[in-house]
Structures are given as structure tokens and as C-alpha cells.
């Protein structure tokens, strides 16, 4: 297995990447539940009804990045 051949440092880094992916996925769920989130372009708080395109863009980006980071980490750890 790859896990047996790797050092503890690589395993910790991979687990950190997985944790970041989980945080992104959870933040997407929270954004959807609350109907608002903080934008990264200086717009301040972004609400679903005020700018729906930007709201969904942030949601989809967080979901894609979160799931991708979790999947890659899971593949690397096995």
C-alpha cells in the first residue's frame, strides 16, 4: 500500500487537504441553508435574492473544490 511506504509528514499533509475539503463542503451547505455568504471580491455579504448568479457561483465553486479535495486525498491515502 502507498500508506505504508509514505512518511508521517505526507500523511499529515494529505489529511490536512482532506480537512480543508470538508470545511469547503460544509461551508457550501451552510451558505445554502442561510441564504447568504461572504463574497471574495469586496462585495461584502452576498444574498441569494440580491445576486443569485454570484451566490450560486460561490456555492458551486465550494462544492466542486471541496469534493475534489476530499476525493484526491482519499485516493492518495489508499
C-alpha atoms as a PDB file:
ATOM      1  CA  UNK A   1       0.000   0.000   0.000  1.00  0.00           C
ATOM      2  CA  UNK A   2       1.029   3.564  -0.572  1.00  0.00           C
ATOM      3  CA  UNK A   3       0.181   4.459   3.027  1.00  0.00           C
ATOM      4  CA  UNK A   4       2.775   2.014   4.358  1.00  0.00           C
ATOM      5  CA  UNK A   5       5.523   3.461   2.170  1.00  0.00           C
ATOM      6  CA  UNK A   6       4.901   7.112   2.929  1.00  0.00           C
ATOM      7  CA  UNK A   7       6.139   9.086   5.886  1.00  0.00           C
ATOM      8  CA  UNK A   8       4.056  10.635   8.601  1.00  0.00           C
ATOM      9  CA  UNK A   9       4.605  14.107   7.103  1.00  0.00           C
ATOM     10  CA  UNK A  10       2.976  13.201   3.799  1.00  0.00           C
ATOM     11  CA  UNK A  11       0.070  11.560   5.587  1.00  0.00           C
ATOM     12  CA  UNK A  12      -0.491  14.639   7.746  1.00  0.00           C
ATOM     13  CA  UNK A  13      -0.389  16.924   4.690  1.00  0.00           C
ATOM     14  CA  UNK A  14      -2.882  14.713   2.855  1.00  0.00           C
ATOM     15  CA  UNK A  15      -5.190  14.639   5.867  1.00  0.00           C
ATOM     16  CA  UNK A  16      -4.920  18.439   6.057  1.00  0.00           C
ATOM     17  CA  UNK A  17      -6.005  18.727   2.429  1.00  0.00           C
ATOM     18  CA  UNK A  18      -8.940  16.439   3.193  1.00  0.00           C
ATOM     19  CA  UNK A  19      -9.882  18.601   6.178  1.00  0.00           C
ATOM     20  CA  UNK A  20      -9.830  21.740   4.014  1.00  0.00           C
ATOM     21  CA  UNK A  21     -12.101  19.946   1.538  1.00  0.00           C
ATOM     22  CA  UNK A  22     -14.509  19.079   4.329  1.00  0.00           C
ATOM     23  CA  UNK A  23     -14.535  22.697   5.500  1.00  0.00           C
ATOM     24  CA  UNK A  24     -15.337  23.862   1.960  1.00  0.00           C
ATOM     25  CA  UNK A  25     -18.153  21.334   1.599  1.00  0.00           C
ATOM     26  CA  UNK A  26     -19.638  22.275   4.982  1.00  0.00           C
ATOM     27  CA  UNK A  27     -19.378  25.990   4.178  1.00  0.00           C
ATOM     28  CA  UNK A  28     -21.330  25.351   0.963  1.00  0.00           C
ATOM     29  CA  UNK A  29     -24.066  23.621   2.957  1.00  0.00           C
ATOM     30  CA  UNK A  30     -24.168  26.481   5.475  1.00  0.00           C
ATOM     31  CA  UNK A  31     -24.306  29.023   2.642  1.00  0.00           C
ATOM     32  CA  UNK A  32     -27.273  27.215   1.112  1.00  0.00           C
ATOM     33  CA  UNK A  33     -29.079  26.926   4.448  1.00  0.00           C
ATOM     34  CA  UNK A  34     -28.617  30.563   5.454  1.00  0.00           C
ATOM     35  CA  UNK A  35     -29.198  32.095   2.044  1.00  0.00           C
ATOM     36  CA  UNK A  36     -26.185  34.380   2.291  1.00  0.00           C
ATOM     37  CA  UNK A  37     -22.416  34.261   2.362  1.00  0.00           C
ATOM     38  CA  UNK A  38     -19.355  36.474   2.256  1.00  0.00           C
ATOM     39  CA  UNK A  39     -18.063  37.215  -1.226  1.00  0.00           C
ATOM     40  CA  UNK A  40     -14.386  37.268  -2.066  1.00  0.00           C
ATOM     41  CA  UNK A  41     -14.449  40.285  -4.379  1.00  0.00           C
ATOM     42  CA  UNK A  42     -15.102  43.037  -1.873  1.00  0.00           C
ATOM     43  CA  UNK A  43     -18.850  42.913  -2.409  1.00  0.00           C
ATOM     44  CA  UNK A  44     -19.455  42.161   1.235  1.00  0.00           C
ATOM     45  CA  UNK A  45     -22.362  39.950   2.143  1.00  0.00           C
ATOM     46  CA  UNK A  46     -23.927  38.185  -0.860  1.00  0.00           C
ATOM     47  CA  UNK A  47     -27.572  37.122  -0.595  1.00  0.00           C
ATOM     48  CA  UNK A  48     -29.398  34.609  -2.768  1.00  0.00           C
ATOM     49  CA  UNK A  49     -32.205  37.011  -3.713  1.00  0.00           C
ATOM     50  CA  UNK A  50     -29.952  40.054  -4.312  1.00  0.00           C
ATOM     51  CA  UNK A  51     -27.431  38.490  -6.708  1.00  0.00           C
ATOM     52  CA  UNK A  52     -28.434  34.907  -7.461  1.00  0.00           C
ATOM     53  CA  UNK A  53     -25.779  34.258 -10.107  1.00  0.00           C
ATOM     54  CA  UNK A  54     -22.884  35.170  -7.809  1.00  0.00           C
ATOM     55  CA  UNK A  55     -24.471  33.261  -4.914  1.00  0.00           C
ATOM     56  CA  UNK A  56     -24.742  30.067  -6.973  1.00  0.00           C
ATOM     57  CA  UNK A  57     -21.271  30.596  -8.433  1.00  0.00           C
ATOM     58  CA  UNK A  58     -19.785  30.646  -4.914  1.00  0.00           C
ATOM     59  CA  UNK A  59     -21.872  27.632  -3.899  1.00  0.00           C
ATOM     60  CA  UNK A  60     -20.868  25.505  -6.904  1.00  0.00           C
ATOM     61  CA  UNK A  61     -17.213  26.515  -6.584  1.00  0.00           C
ATOM     62  CA  UNK A  62     -17.148  25.466  -2.928  1.00  0.00           C
ATOM     63  CA  UNK A  63     -18.858  22.155  -3.659  1.00  0.00           C
ATOM     64  CA  UNK A  64     -16.574  21.296  -6.583  1.00  0.00           C
ATOM     65  CA  UNK A  65     -13.387  22.248  -4.746  1.00  0.00           C
ATOM     66  CA  UNK A  66     -14.465  20.524  -1.547  1.00  0.00           C
ATOM     67  CA  UNK A  67     -15.452  17.255  -3.209  1.00  0.00           C
ATOM     68  CA  UNK A  68     -12.348  17.263  -5.417  1.00  0.00           C
ATOM     69  CA  UNK A  69     -10.024  17.792  -2.455  1.00  0.00           C
ATOM     70  CA  UNK A  70     -11.723  15.030  -0.459  1.00  0.00           C
ATOM     71  CA  UNK A  71     -11.639  12.613  -3.408  1.00  0.00           C
ATOM     72  CA  UNK A  72      -7.990  13.242  -4.257  1.00  0.00           C
ATOM     73  CA  UNK A  73      -6.975  12.873  -0.620  1.00  0.00           C
ATOM     74  CA  UNK A  74      -8.912   9.629  -0.293  1.00  0.00           C
ATOM     75  CA  UNK A  75      -7.257   8.210  -3.411  1.00  0.00           C
ATOM     76  CA  UNK A  76      -3.796   9.239  -2.230  1.00  0.00           C
ATOM     77  CA  UNK A  77      -4.337   7.700   1.212  1.00  0.00           C
ATOM     78  CA  UNK A  78      -5.372   4.300  -0.185  1.00  0.00           C
END
